[in-house]
Amino acid sequence: MRLVVGSAASPFTSLAEILDEEDAMMDESTTLANRVAWETASQKHVREYDDLFAQAATGDSLIEVERALLRDVLARTPEVIHLQSGNGLDDPALVNAGAISVVGVDYSEVAVNAAQRRADELGVACRYIVATVPQVPLPDSSADLVYTGKGALIWMSDLDAWAREVVRLLRPTGHLFIYEAHPAVPLWTWDEDYPRIRTDRSYFATSHVNDTFPGNGAVEWQWNLGQIITAVVSAGMEILHVGEYAEPFWRMGGVTAAAWDGRLPNSFSLLARR
């Protein structure tokens, strides 16, 4: 007798289904562990509240690349959703640059509370909710612009689900904007004399363990540039711009790395339209 595993008439679960369930459980477990690590790291937003408040009050945390690419979008006074809003410093800047309002979404309750307190004290039209992307508790077609990046995509275990959620949240002709660490960044060492590639990392790996602040010990998912672009296009968006830059979006204080000297990609931007 021949046993057909996974057929329509079979009561048995196929190996592929078992592996999919195991992957889902592992992703959920990793997300939970990452959330705990990020809650710990977000205490920095509380400890340094006064400094961060002063930065937010300037309303100029968006870098020139962001301002240039978003100028036309922000000129239309959009309603913005900031996925994985973190410390929330960019949200008052988005309002200052033209957004009518910003809703920040982050899974760190510590970060959300600090950002909301700051926004309230500044009197800016920013509100925050605690949620794990891509399960965002906001209605369909809630925003004209979804803004994200600066350490966001590395926490997404399912990039296609993330891109579909962006489309769900956007109104027709709404825009997605990403300014993010370049996918090659996990490869670079922080040697001062010469830029080198870490021997324990691969550009095509699925993930790696972050061994530096702020995600020390957390698992970061790796998505190469092709995967990011494909996810956005497959979700139904039109790519308007992709740019790569030598300057990192964040430099650890007191560290000077040769990988940041202008020869290697350290950040990228992407602008797309629904």
C-alpha atoms as a PDB file:
ATOM      1  CA  MET A   1       0.000   0.000   0.000  1.00  0.00           C
ATOM      2  CA  ARG A   2       1.308   3.468  -0.909  1.00  0.00           C
ATOM      3  CA  LEU A   3       0.815   6.308   1.593  1.00  0.00           C
ATOM      4  CA  VAL A   4       0.192   9.690  -0.007  1.00  0.00           C
ATOM      5  CA  VAL A   5       1.251  12.371   2.497  1.00  0.00           C
ATOM      6  CA  GLY A   6      -0.621  15.650   2.350  1.00  0.00           C
ATOM      7  CA  SER A   7      -3.207  14.631  -0.259  1.00  0.00           C
ATOM      8  CA  ALA A   8      -6.742  15.991  -0.057  1.00  0.00           C
ATOM      9  CA  ALA A   9      -7.982  12.659   1.308  1.00  0.00           C
ATOM     10  CA  SER A  10      -5.101  12.129   3.723  1.00  0.00           C
ATOM     11  CA  PRO A  11      -5.553  12.803   7.447  1.00  0.00           C
ATOM     12  CA  PHE A  12      -1.828  13.442   7.757  1.00  0.00           C
ATOM     13  CA  THR A  13      -0.103  16.815   7.775  1.00  0.00           C
ATOM     14  CA  SER A  14       2.502  17.288   5.061  1.00  0.00           C
ATOM     15  CA  LEU A  15       6.134  18.047   5.877  1.00  0.00           C
ATOM     16  CA  ALA A  16       5.776  21.451   4.221  1.00  0.00           C
ATOM     17  CA  GLU A  17       2.821  22.303   6.460  1.00  0.00           C
ATOM     18  CA  ILE A  18       4.745  21.205   9.552  1.00  0.00           C
ATOM     19  CA  LEU A  19       7.728  23.338   8.562  1.00  0.00           C
ATOM     20  CA  ASP A  20       5.455  26.325   7.856  1.00  0.00           C
ATOM     21  CA  GLU A  21       3.889  25.970  11.326  1.00  0.00           C
ATOM     22  CA  GLU A  22       7.326  25.700  12.939  1.00  0.00           C
ATOM     23  CA  ASP A  23       8.525  28.790  11.056  1.00  0.00           C
ATOM     24  CA  ALA A  24       5.439  30.726  12.157  1.00  0.00           C
ATOM     25  CA  MET A  25       5.993  29.711  15.783  1.00  0.00           C
ATOM     26  CA  MET A  26       9.665  30.676  15.560  1.00  0.00           C
ATOM     27  CA  ASP A  27       8.796  34.045  13.994  1.00  0.00           C
ATOM     28  CA  GLU A  28       6.265  34.730  16.752  1.00  0.00           C
ATOM     29  CA  SER A  29       8.754  33.750  19.436  1.00  0.00           C
ATOM     30  CA  THR A  30      11.463  35.911  17.866  1.00  0.00           C
ATOM     31  CA  THR A  31       9.097  38.887  17.590  1.00  0.00           C
ATOM     32  CA  LEU A  32       8.191  38.544  21.272  1.00  0.00           C
ATOM     33  CA  ALA A  33      11.865  38.341  22.299  1.00  0.00           C
ATOM     34  CA  ASN A  34      12.671  41.352  20.120  1.00  0.00           C
ATOM     35  CA  ARG A  35       9.838  43.291  21.717  1.00  0.00           C
ATOM     36  CA  VAL A  36      11.262  42.612  25.178  1.00  0.00           C
ATOM     37  CA  ALA A  37      14.728  43.715  24.003  1.00  0.00           C
ATOM     38  CA  TRP A  38      13.286  46.863  22.457  1.00  0.00           C
ATOM     39  CA  GLU A  39      11.312  47.761  25.568  1.00  0.00           C
ATOM     40  CA  THR A  40      14.603  47.635  27.466  1.00  0.00           C
ATOM     41  CA  ALA A  41      16.401  49.724  24.842  1.00  0.00           C
ATOM     42  CA  SER A  42      13.533  52.249  24.799  1.00  0.00           C
ATOM     43  CA  GLN A  43      14.243  53.177  28.404  1.00  0.00           C
ATOM     44  CA  LYS A  44      16.825  55.439  26.785  1.00  0.00           C
ATOM     45  CA  HIS A  45      13.926  57.627  25.594  1.00  0.00           C
ATOM     46  CA  VAL A  46      12.902  58.096  29.234  1.00  0.00           C
ATOM     47  CA  ARG A  47      16.405  58.626  30.612  1.00  0.00           C
ATOM     48  CA  GLU A  48      17.221  61.189  27.925  1.00  0.00           C
ATOM     49  CA  TYR A  49      13.753  62.740  27.729  1.00  0.00           C
ATOM     50  CA  ASP A  50      14.923  66.352  28.081  1.00  0.00           C
ATOM     51  CA  ASP A  51      17.522  66.004  25.318  1.00  0.00           C
ATOM     52  CA  LEU A  52      15.048  64.316  22.993  1.00  0.00           C
ATOM     53  CA  PHE A  53      12.420  66.948  23.788  1.00  0.00           C
ATOM     54  CA  ALA A  54      14.872  69.678  22.799  1.00  0.00           C
ATOM     55  CA  GLN A  55      15.617  67.870  19.520  1.00  0.00           C
ATOM     56  CA  ALA A  56      11.923  67.382  18.756  1.00  0.00           C
ATOM     57  CA  ALA A  57      11.178  71.025  19.518  1.00  0.00           C
ATOM     58  CA  THR A  58      13.428  72.133  16.647  1.00  0.00           C
ATOM     59  CA  GLY A  59      11.176  70.280  14.190  1.00  0.00           C
ATOM     60  CA  ASP A  60      14.104  69.619  11.872  1.00  0.00           C
ATOM     61  CA  SER A  61      15.058  65.964  12.438  1.00  0.00           C
ATOM     62  CA  LEU A  62      14.295  65.043   8.816  1.00  0.00           C
ATOM     63  CA  ILE A  63      17.511  65.030   6.812  1.00  0.00           C
ATOM     64  CA  GLU A  64      17.812  66.896   3.517  1.00  0.00           C
ATOM     65  CA  VAL A  65      17.323  63.748   1.418  1.00  0.00           C
ATOM     66  CA  GLU A  66      13.978  63.141   3.134  1.00  0.00           C
ATOM     67  CA  ARG A  67      12.875  66.742   2.820  1.00  0.00           C
ATOM     68  CA  ALA A  68      13.729  66.849  -0.886  1.00  0.00           C
ATOM     69  CA  LEU A  69      11.936  63.609  -1.757  1.00  0.00           C
ATOM     70  CA  LEU A  70       8.890  64.387   0.387  1.00  0.00           C
ATOM     71  CA  ARG A  71       8.571  68.079  -0.486  1.00  0.00           C
ATOM     72  CA  ASP A  72       5.717  67.659  -2.989  1.00  0.00           C
ATOM     73  CA  VAL A  73       3.925  65.068  -0.846  1.00  0.00           C
ATOM     74  CA  LEU A  74       4.098  67.190   2.311  1.00  0.00           C
ATOM     75  CA  ALA A  75       2.989  70.265   0.377  1.00  0.00           C
ATOM     76  CA  ARG A  76      -0.432  68.566   0.086  1.00  0.00           C
ATOM     77  CA  THR A  77      -0.832  68.568   3.906  1.00  0.00           C
ATOM     78  CA  PRO A  78      -1.125  64.778   4.157  1.00  0.00           C
ATOM     79  CA  GLU A  79      -2.353  62.666   7.034  1.00  0.00           C
ATOM     80  CA  VAL A  80       0.625  60.483   7.920  1.00  0.00           C
ATOM     81  CA  ILE A  81       1.053  57.087   9.543  1.00  0.00           C
ATOM     82  CA  HIS A  82       4.546  56.452  10.884  1.00  0.00           C
ATOM     83  CA  LEU A  83       5.044  52.697  11.141  1.00  0.00           C
ATOM     84  CA  GLN A  84       7.504  51.669  13.880  1.00  0.00           C
ATOM     85  CA  SER A  85       7.807  55.214  15.107  1.00  0.00           C
ATOM     86  CA  GLY A  86      10.403  54.500  17.810  1.00  0.00           C
ATOM     87  CA  ASN A  87      11.465  57.666  19.608  1.00  0.00           C
ATOM     88  CA  GLY A  88       9.023  59.707  17.506  1.00  0.00           C
ATOM     89  CA  LEU A  89      11.462  62.538  16.788  1.00  0.00           C
ATOM     90  CA  ASP A  90      10.567  62.610  13.099  1.00  0.00           C
ATOM     91  CA  ASP A  91       6.860  63.113  13.753  1.00  0.00           C
ATOM     92  CA  PRO A  92       6.957  66.775  14.899  1.00  0.00           C
ATOM     93  CA  ALA A  93       9.325  67.354  11.973  1.00  0.00           C
ATOM     94  CA  LEU A  94       6.778  65.891   9.540  1.00  0.00           C
ATOM     95  CA  VAL A  95       4.112  68.208  10.967  1.00  0.00           C
ATOM     96  CA  ASN A  96       6.524  71.135  10.793  1.00  0.00           C
ATOM     97  CA  ALA A  97       7.192  70.281   7.133  1.00  0.00           C
ATOM     98  CA  GLY A  98       3.512  70.245   6.180  1.00  0.00           C
ATOM     99  CA  ALA A  99       1.733  67.120   7.464  1.00  0.00           C
ATOM    100  CA  ILE A 100      -1.671  67.858   8.975  1.00  0.00           C
ATOM    101  CA  SER A 101      -1.227  65.034  11.510  1.00  0.00           C
ATOM    102  CA  VAL A 102       0.886  61.970  12.295  1.00  0.00           C
ATOM    103  CA  VAL A 103      -0.134  58.680  13.893  1.00  0.00           C
ATOM    104  CA  GLY A 104       2.888  56.807  15.229  1.00  0.00           C
ATOM    105  CA  VAL A 105       2.703  53.023  15.606  1.00  0.00           C
ATOM    106  CA  ASP A 106       5.247  51.109  17.676  1.00  0.00           C
ATOM    107  CA  TYR A 107       5.263  47.910  19.708  1.00  0.00           C
ATOM    108  CA  SER A 108       7.237  49.474  22.545  1.00  0.00           C
ATOM    109  CA  GLU A 109       4.885  50.864  25.177  1.00  0.00           C
ATOM    110  CA  VAL A 110       7.807  52.750  26.720  1.00  0.00           C
ATOM    111  CA  ALA A 111       8.641  54.462  23.426  1.00  0.00           C
ATOM    112  CA  VAL A 112       4.992  55.261  22.673  1.00  0.00           C
ATOM    113  CA  ASN A 113       4.363  56.797  26.097  1.00  0.00           C
ATOM    114  CA  ALA A 114       7.484  58.960  25.876  1.00  0.00           C
ATOM    115  CA  ALA A 115       6.626  60.097  22.339  1.00  0.00           C
ATOM    116  CA  GLN A 116       3.014  60.925  23.279  1.00  0.00           C
ATOM    117  CA  ARG A 117       4.100  62.924  26.321  1.00  0.00           C
ATOM    118  CA  ARG A 118       6.536  64.881  24.179  1.00  0.00           C
ATOM    119  CA  ALA A 119       3.957  65.567  21.449  1.00  0.00           C
ATOM    120  CA  ASP A 120       1.418  66.738  24.031  1.00  0.00           C
ATOM    121  CA  GLU A 121       3.923  69.097  25.628  1.00  0.00           C
ATOM    122  CA  LEU A 122       4.913  70.475  22.228  1.00  0.00           C
ATOM    123  CA  GLY A 123       1.295  70.840  21.159  1.00  0.00           C
ATOM    124  CA  VAL A 124       1.808  69.055  17.826  1.00  0.00           C
ATOM    125  CA  ALA A 125      -0.817  66.944  16.039  1.00  0.00           C
ATOM    126  CA  CYS A 126       0.804  63.592  16.767  1.00  0.00           C
ATOM    127  CA  ARG A 127      -0.784  60.623  18.507  1.00  0.00           C
ATOM    128  CA  TYR A 128       0.620  57.187  19.201  1.00  0.00           C
ATOM    129  CA  ILE A 129      -0.676  53.642  19.492  1.00  0.00           C
ATOM    130  CA  VAL A 130       0.966  50.460  20.739  1.00  0.00           C
ATOM    131  CA  ALA A 131       0.745  47.760  18.082  1.00  0.00           C
ATOM    132  CA  THR A 132       2.850  45.180  16.284  1.00  0.00           C
ATOM    133  CA  VAL A 133       3.220  45.885  12.569  1.00  0.00           C
ATOM    134  CA  PRO A 134       1.746  44.605  10.276  1.00  0.00           C
ATOM    135  CA  GLN A 135      -1.377  44.145  12.429  1.00  0.00           C
ATOM    136  CA  VAL A 136      -2.086  47.882  12.687  1.00  0.00           C
ATOM    137  CA  PRO A 137      -5.426  48.691  14.423  1.00  0.00           C
ATOM    138  CA  LEU A 138      -6.339  51.502  12.043  1.00  0.00           C
ATOM    139  CA  PRO A 139      -9.048  51.560   9.329  1.00  0.00           C
ATOM    140  CA  ASP A 140      -8.381  50.990   5.642  1.00  0.00           C
ATOM    141  CA  SER A 141      -7.372  54.079   3.667  1.00  0.00           C
ATOM    142  CA  SER A 142      -6.335  56.023   6.771  1.00  0.00           C
ATOM    143  CA  ALA A 143      -3.353  57.896   5.372  1.00  0.00           C
ATOM    144  CA  ASP A 144      -2.001  59.882   2.455  1.00  0.00           C
ATOM    145  CA  LEU A 145       1.562  58.991   3.432  1.00  0.00           C
ATOM    146  CA  VAL A 146       3.062  56.002   5.217  1.00  0.00           C
ATOM    147  CA  TYR A 147       6.481  56.984   6.530  1.00  0.00           C
ATOM    148  CA  THR A 148       8.915  54.442   7.943  1.00  0.00           C
ATOM    149  CA  GLY A 149      12.539  53.452   8.288  1.00  0.00           C
ATOM    150  CA  LYS A 150      15.642  54.269  10.307  1.00  0.00           C
ATOM    151  CA  GLY A 151      15.747  50.798  11.807  1.00  0.00           C
ATOM    152  CA  ALA A 152      12.256  49.502  10.980  1.00  0.00           C
ATOM    153  CA  LEU A 153      12.330  46.842   8.268  1.00  0.00           C
ATOM    154  CA  ILE A 154      14.825  44.729  10.211  1.00  0.00           C
ATOM    155  CA  TRP A 155      12.024  43.835  12.651  1.00  0.00           C
ATOM    156  CA  MET A 156       9.681  42.535   9.920  1.00  0.00           C
ATOM    157  CA  SER A 157       9.669  38.721   9.598  1.00  0.00           C
ATOM    158  CA  ASP A 158       7.219  38.846   6.647  1.00  0.00           C
ATOM    159  CA  LEU A 159       8.003  41.651   4.226  1.00  0.00           C
ATOM    160  CA  ASP A 160       5.144  40.806   1.853  1.00  0.00           C
ATOM    161  CA  ALA A 161       2.605  41.057   4.703  1.00  0.00           C
ATOM    162  CA  TRP A 162       4.158  44.395   5.684  1.00  0.00           C
ATOM    163  CA  ALA A 163       3.837  45.751   2.130  1.00  0.00           C
ATOM    164  CA  ARG A 164       0.199  44.618   1.880  1.00  0.00           C
ATOM    165  CA  GLU A 165      -0.514  46.396   5.167  1.00  0.00           C
ATOM    166  CA  VAL A 166       0.992  49.596   3.789  1.00  0.00           C
ATOM    167  CA  VAL A 167      -1.325  49.388   0.789  1.00  0.00           C
ATOM    168  CA  ARG A 168      -4.308  48.751   3.063  1.00  0.00           C
ATOM    169  CA  LEU A 169      -3.529  51.855   5.098  1.00  0.00           C
ATOM    170  CA  LEU A 170      -2.957  54.134   2.101  1.00  0.00           C
ATOM    171  CA  ARG A 171      -5.641  56.044   0.275  1.00  0.00           C
ATOM    172  CA  PRO A 172      -5.687  55.849  -3.532  1.00  0.00           C
ATOM    173  CA  THR A 173      -2.615  57.683  -4.926  1.00  0.00           C
ATOM    174  CA  GLY A 174      -1.143  57.768  -1.386  1.00  0.00           C
ATOM    175  CA  HIS A 175       2.615  57.419  -0.934  1.00  0.00           C
ATOM    176  CA  LEU A 176       5.033  55.160   0.909  1.00  0.00           C
ATOM    177  CA  PHE A 177       8.386  56.623   1.960  1.00  0.00           C
ATOM    178  CA  ILE A 178      11.294  54.650   3.398  1.00  0.00           C
ATOM    179  CA  TYR A 179      14.626  56.008   4.588  1.00  0.00           C
ATOM    180  CA  GLU A 180      16.491  53.068   6.005  1.00  0.00           C
ATOM    181  CA  ALA A 181      19.831  51.434   6.699  1.00  0.00           C
ATOM    182  CA  HIS A 182      21.145  49.826   3.525  1.00  0.00           C
ATOM    183  CA  PRO A 183      20.724  46.026   3.494  1.00  0.00           C
ATOM    184  CA  ALA A 184      24.504  45.682   3.136  1.00  0.00           C
ATOM    185  CA  VAL A 185      25.153  47.429   6.468  1.00  0.00           C
ATOM    186  CA  PRO A 186      25.179  44.194   8.543  1.00  0.00           C
ATOM    187  CA  LEU A 187      28.273  43.188   6.559  1.00  0.00           C
ATOM    188  CA  TRP A 188      30.458  46.168   7.467  1.00  0.00           C
ATOM    189  CA  THR A 189      32.845  46.081  10.413  1.00  0.00           C
ATOM    190  CA  TRP A 190      33.411  49.174  12.491  1.00  0.00           C
ATOM    191  CA  ASP A 191      37.188  49.127  12.003  1.00  0.00           C
ATOM    192  CA  GLU A 192      38.656  52.616  11.869  1.00  0.00           C
ATOM    193  CA  ASP A 193      41.571  51.930   9.522  1.00  0.00           C
ATOM    194  CA  TYR A 194      39.888  50.163   6.601  1.00  0.00           C
ATOM    195  CA  PRO A 195      36.349  48.982   5.720  1.00  0.00           C
ATOM    196  CA  ARG A 196      36.088  45.219   6.072  1.00  0.00           C
ATOM    197  CA  ILE A 197      33.382  42.578   5.699  1.00  0.00           C
ATOM    198  CA  ARG A 198      32.411  40.564   8.756  1.00  0.00           C
ATOM    199  CA  THR A 199      33.175  36.882   8.291  1.00  0.00           C
ATOM    200  CA  ASP A 200      30.097  35.851  10.294  1.00  0.00           C
ATOM    201  CA  ARG A 201      27.591  37.677   8.076  1.00  0.00           C
ATOM    202  CA  SER A 202      26.112  37.181   4.598  1.00  0.00           C
ATOM    203  CA  TYR A 203      24.160  39.624   2.444  1.00  0.00           C
ATOM    204  CA  PHE A 204      21.811  36.760   1.593  1.00  0.00           C
ATOM    205  CA  ALA A 205      21.255  35.468   5.129  1.00  0.00           C
ATOM    206  CA  THR A 206      17.745  35.351   6.554  1.00  0.00           C
ATOM    207  CA  SER A 207      18.672  37.002   9.838  1.00  0.00           C
ATOM    208  CA  HIS A 208      21.481  37.759  12.276  1.00  0.00           C
ATOM    209  CA  VAL A 209      21.813  38.564  15.959  1.00  0.00           C
ATOM    210  CA  ASN A 210      22.407  42.249  16.651  1.00  0.00           C
ATOM    211  CA  ASP A 211      25.478  42.522  18.879  1.00  0.00           C
ATOM    212  CA  THR A 212      25.383  46.318  19.273  1.00  0.00           C
ATOM    213  CA  PHE A 213      23.081  48.880  20.885  1.00  0.00           C
ATOM    214  CA  PRO A 214      20.148  49.453  20.711  1.00  0.00           C
ATOM    215  CA  GLY A 215      18.995  45.966  19.709  1.00  0.00           C
ATOM    216  CA  ASN A 216      21.769  44.118  21.533  1.00  0.00           C
ATOM    217  CA  GLY A 217      20.857  40.434  21.521  1.00  0.00           C
ATOM    218  CA  ALA A 218      17.777  40.845  19.313  1.00  0.00           C
ATOM    219  CA  VAL A 219      17.324  39.016  16.018  1.00  0.00           C
ATOM    220  CA  GLU A 220      17.258  41.286  12.977  1.00  0.00           C
ATOM    221  CA  TRP A 221      15.649  40.047   9.764  1.00  0.00           C
ATOM    222  CA  GLN A 222      17.656  40.678   6.622  1.00  0.00           C
ATOM    223  CA  TRP A 223      16.045  41.835   3.392  1.00  0.00           C
ATOM    224  CA  ASN A 224      18.184  42.661   0.388  1.00  0.00           C
ATOM    225  CA  LEU A 225      17.312  45.600  -1.832  1.00  0.00           C
ATOM    226  CA  GLY A 226      15.769  43.365  -4.490  1.00  0.00           C
ATOM    227  CA  GLN A 227      13.431  41.764  -1.961  1.00  0.00           C
ATOM    228  CA  ILE A 228      12.317  45.143  -0.607  1.00  0.00           C
ATOM    229  CA  ILE A 229      11.580  46.555  -4.053  1.00  0.00           C
ATOM    230  CA  THR A 230       9.812  43.362  -5.150  1.00  0.00           C
ATOM    231  CA  ALA A 231       7.609  43.345  -2.029  1.00  0.00           C
ATOM    232  CA  VAL A 232       6.531  46.936  -2.680  1.00  0.00           C
ATOM    233  CA  VAL A 233       5.790  46.293  -6.360  1.00  0.00           C
ATOM    234  CA  SER A 234       4.046  42.974  -5.695  1.00  0.00           C
ATOM    235  CA  ALA A 235       1.716  44.693  -3.219  1.00  0.00           C
ATOM    236  CA  GLY A 236       0.530  46.940  -6.046  1.00  0.00           C
ATOM    237  CA  MET A 237       2.602  50.090  -5.587  1.00  0.00           C
ATOM    238  CA  GLU A 238       4.511  52.041  -8.223  1.00  0.00           C
ATOM    239  CA  ILE A 239       8.154  52.809  -7.470  1.00  0.00           C
ATOM    240  CA  LEU A 240       8.939  56.476  -8.066  1.00  0.00           C
ATOM    241  CA  HIS A 241      12.451  56.636  -6.650  1.00  0.00           C
ATOM    242  CA  VAL A 242      15.201  54.486  -5.140  1.00  0.00           C
ATOM    243  CA  GLY A 243      18.439  56.050  -3.914  1.00  0.00           C
ATOM    244  CA  GLU A 244      21.549  54.700  -2.149  1.00  0.00           C
ATOM    245  CA  TYR A 245      23.846  56.758   0.072  1.00  0.00           C
ATOM    246  CA  ALA A 246      27.219  56.449   1.745  1.00  0.00           C
ATOM    247  CA  GLU A 247      26.097  58.311   4.878  1.00  0.00           C
ATOM    248  CA  PRO A 248      24.532  56.122   7.607  1.00  0.00           C
ATOM    249  CA  PHE A 249      21.236  57.312   9.083  1.00  0.00           C
ATOM    250  CA  TRP A 250      22.684  56.887  12.584  1.00  0.00           C
ATOM    251  CA  ARG A 251      26.198  57.003  14.024  1.00  0.00           C
ATOM    252  CA  MET A 252      26.967  55.631  17.453  1.00  0.00           C
ATOM    253  CA  GLY A 253      28.495  58.354  19.599  1.00  0.00           C
ATOM    254  CA  GLY A 254      32.279  58.217  19.813  1.00  0.00           C
ATOM    255  CA  VAL A 255      32.637  55.713  16.944  1.00  0.00           C
ATOM    256  CA  THR A 256      34.417  56.514  13.691  1.00  0.00           C
ATOM    257  CA  ALA A 257      34.242  53.656  11.200  1.00  0.00           C
ATOM    258  CA  ALA A 258      36.060  53.431   7.874  1.00  0.00           C
ATOM    259  CA  ALA A 259      32.886  51.913   6.420  1.00  0.00           C
ATOM    260  CA  TRP A 260      31.353  55.388   6.694  1.00  0.00           C
ATOM    261  CA  ASP A 261      34.016  57.196   4.685  1.00  0.00           C
ATOM    262  CA  GLY A 262      32.043  57.436   1.443  1.00  0.00           C
ATOM    263  CA  ARG A 263      32.944  54.222  -0.392  1.00  0.00           C
ATOM    264  CA  LEU A 264      30.212  51.861   0.810  1.00  0.00           C
ATOM    265  CA  PRO A 265      26.385  52.042   0.859  1.00  0.00           C
ATOM    266  CA  ASN A 266      25.027  52.714   4.335  1.00  0.00           C
ATOM    267  CA  SER A 267      21.482  53.953   3.733  1.00  0.00           C
ATOM    268  CA  PHE A 268      18.816  54.045   1.039  1.00  0.00           C
ATOM    269  CA  SER A 269      15.544  55.781   0.266  1.00  0.00           C
ATOM    270  CA  LEU A 270      12.452  54.576  -1.544  1.00  0.00           C
ATOM    271  CA  LEU A 271       9.376  56.526  -2.605  1.00  0.00           C
ATOM    272  CA  ALA A 272       6.377  54.661  -4.005  1.00  0.00           C
ATOM    273  CA  ARG A 273       2.789  55.492  -4.891  1.00  0.00           C
ATOM    274  CA  ARG A 274      -0.283  53.340  -4.495  1.00  0.00           C
END
